[in-house]
Amino acid sequence: MDRLMDSCRFCGGYLEESTSMVKTHWRDRTITIDNVNCWICNTCGEVYVSPDMAKKIKALERPLDREEFLIKPYLYKKI
């Protein structure tokens, strides 16, 4: 995974490559995605994802992708 930045923009802490749970929201629903490749600040815990990953996560907010995800989340284990 290509590093986008070297330090956290909030606290200046070091970013470590990892995986994390990411939440996105649509109306009154929260969509939770496990094991998303990301960078996590070792000081404050802020999570950063790549622009490509952000687009994939944002796609789940589109009606067709979102409804399929909510019905068959196992299809999206490897985003």
C-alpha atoms as a PDB file:
ATOM      1  CA  MET A   1       0.000   0.000   0.000  1.00  0.00           C
ATOM      2  CA  ASP A   2       1.465   3.343  -1.003  1.00  0.00           C
ATOM      3  CA  ARG A   3       1.941   5.775   1.861  1.00  0.00           C
ATOM      4  CA  LEU A   4       0.049   9.016   1.328  1.00  0.00           C
ATOM      5  CA  MET A   5       1.680  10.943   4.172  1.00  0.00           C
ATOM      6  CA  ASP A   6       4.280  10.340   6.857  1.00  0.00           C
ATOM      7  CA  SER A   7       2.532  11.772   9.880  1.00  0.00           C
ATOM      8  CA  CYS A   8      -0.948  12.339  11.262  1.00  0.00           C
ATOM      9  CA  ARG A   9      -2.429  15.655  10.200  1.00  0.00           C
ATOM     10  CA  PHE A  10      -4.094  16.060  13.608  1.00  0.00           C
ATOM     11  CA  CYS A  11      -1.366  15.238  16.122  1.00  0.00           C
ATOM     12  CA  GLY A  12       1.800  14.643  14.077  1.00  0.00           C
ATOM     13  CA  GLY A  13       2.065  10.996  15.211  1.00  0.00           C
ATOM     14  CA  TYR A  14       3.607   8.222  13.084  1.00  0.00           C
ATOM     15  CA  LEU A  15       1.286   6.323  10.706  1.00  0.00           C
ATOM     16  CA  GLU A  16       1.508   2.530  10.783  1.00  0.00           C
ATOM     17  CA  GLU A  17       0.131   0.299   8.014  1.00  0.00           C
ATOM     18  CA  SER A  18      -2.669  -1.889   9.345  1.00  0.00           C
ATOM     19  CA  THR A  19      -6.271  -2.991   8.847  1.00  0.00           C
ATOM     20  CA  SER A  20      -9.248  -1.537  10.640  1.00  0.00           C
ATOM     21  CA  MET A  21     -13.005  -1.484  10.836  1.00  0.00           C
ATOM     22  CA  VAL A  22     -14.438   1.458   8.883  1.00  0.00           C
ATOM     23  CA  LYS A  23     -17.941   2.863   9.221  1.00  0.00           C
ATOM     24  CA  THR A  24     -19.882   4.805   6.634  1.00  0.00           C
ATOM     25  CA  HIS A  25     -23.368   6.224   7.028  1.00  0.00           C
ATOM     26  CA  TRP A  26     -26.428   6.429   4.839  1.00  0.00           C
ATOM     27  CA  ARG A  27     -29.538   8.092   6.229  1.00  0.00           C
ATOM     28  CA  ASP A  28     -30.240   6.302   9.516  1.00  0.00           C
ATOM     29  CA  ARG A  29     -28.047   3.270   8.770  1.00  0.00           C
ATOM     30  CA  THR A  30     -24.431   2.627   9.642  1.00  0.00           C
ATOM     31  CA  ILE A  31     -22.505   0.339   7.305  1.00  0.00           C
ATOM     32  CA  THR A  32     -19.525  -1.336   8.987  1.00  0.00           C
ATOM     33  CA  ILE A  33     -16.709  -2.878   6.933  1.00  0.00           C
ATOM     34  CA  ASP A  34     -14.065  -5.035   8.619  1.00  0.00           C
ATOM     35  CA  ASN A  35     -10.419  -5.519   7.621  1.00  0.00           C
ATOM     36  CA  VAL A  36      -9.990  -2.403   5.477  1.00  0.00           C
ATOM     37  CA  ASN A  37      -6.354  -1.701   4.533  1.00  0.00           C
ATOM     38  CA  CYS A  38      -5.374   1.614   6.067  1.00  0.00           C
ATOM     39  CA  TRP A  39      -2.830   3.592   8.075  1.00  0.00           C
ATOM     40  CA  ILE A  40      -3.457   4.245  11.760  1.00  0.00           C
ATOM     41  CA  CYS A  41      -1.816   6.980  13.825  1.00  0.00           C
ATOM     42  CA  ASN A  42       0.113   5.392  16.681  1.00  0.00           C
ATOM     43  CA  THR A  43      -0.595   8.424  18.890  1.00  0.00           C
ATOM     44  CA  CYS A  44      -4.263   9.414  18.452  1.00  0.00           C
ATOM     45  CA  GLY A  45      -5.655   6.436  16.503  1.00  0.00           C
ATOM     46  CA  GLU A  46      -6.889   8.453  13.511  1.00  0.00           C
ATOM     47  CA  VAL A  47      -7.503   6.127  10.527  1.00  0.00           C
ATOM     48  CA  TYR A  48      -6.471   7.022   6.965  1.00  0.00           C
ATOM     49  CA  VAL A  49      -7.464   5.132   3.802  1.00  0.00           C
ATOM     50  CA  SER A  50      -6.128   5.532   0.270  1.00  0.00           C
ATOM     51  CA  PRO A  51      -8.150   7.544  -2.261  1.00  0.00           C
ATOM     52  CA  ASP A  52      -8.940   4.301  -4.123  1.00  0.00           C
ATOM     53  CA  MET A  53     -10.236   2.642  -0.948  1.00  0.00           C
ATOM     54  CA  ALA A  54     -12.267   5.757  -0.100  1.00  0.00           C
ATOM     55  CA  LYS A  55     -13.965   5.507  -3.514  1.00  0.00           C
ATOM     56  CA  LYS A  56     -14.816   1.843  -2.887  1.00  0.00           C
ATOM     57  CA  ILE A  57     -16.252   2.645   0.521  1.00  0.00           C
ATOM     58  CA  LYS A  58     -18.172   5.630  -0.851  1.00  0.00           C
ATOM     59  CA  ALA A  59     -19.635   3.357  -3.569  1.00  0.00           C
ATOM     60  CA  LEU A  60     -21.484   1.475  -0.830  1.00  0.00           C
ATOM     61  CA  GLU A  61     -23.548   4.612  -0.320  1.00  0.00           C
ATOM     62  CA  ARG A  62     -24.990   4.258  -3.828  1.00  0.00           C
ATOM     63  CA  PRO A  63     -28.414   2.605  -3.727  1.00  0.00           C
ATOM     64  CA  LEU A  64     -27.643  -0.579  -5.719  1.00  0.00           C
ATOM     65  CA  ASP A  65     -24.296  -1.297  -4.055  1.00  0.00           C
ATOM     66  CA  ARG A  66     -25.641  -0.440  -0.626  1.00  0.00           C
ATOM     67  CA  GLU A  67     -28.707  -2.677  -0.877  1.00  0.00           C
ATOM     68  CA  GLU A  68     -26.639  -5.586  -2.196  1.00  0.00           C
ATOM     69  CA  PHE A  69     -24.141  -5.102   0.636  1.00  0.00           C
ATOM     70  CA  LEU A  70     -26.882  -5.061   3.263  1.00  0.00           C
ATOM     71  CA  ILE A  71     -28.419  -8.252   1.835  1.00  0.00           C
ATOM     72  CA  LYS A  72     -25.153 -10.110   1.048  1.00  0.00           C
ATOM     73  CA  PRO A  73     -22.304  -8.599   3.118  1.00  0.00           C
ATOM     74  CA  TYR A  74     -20.195 -11.744   2.646  1.00  0.00           C
ATOM     75  CA  LEU A  75     -19.675 -10.732  -0.987  1.00  0.00           C
ATOM     76  CA  TYR A  76     -17.774  -7.622   0.188  1.00  0.00           C
ATOM     77  CA  LYS A  77     -15.302  -9.211   2.609  1.00  0.00           C
ATOM     78  CA  LYS A  78     -12.342  -8.260   0.400  1.00  0.00           C
ATOM     79  CA  ILE A  79     -12.885  -4.619  -0.526  1.00  0.00           C
END
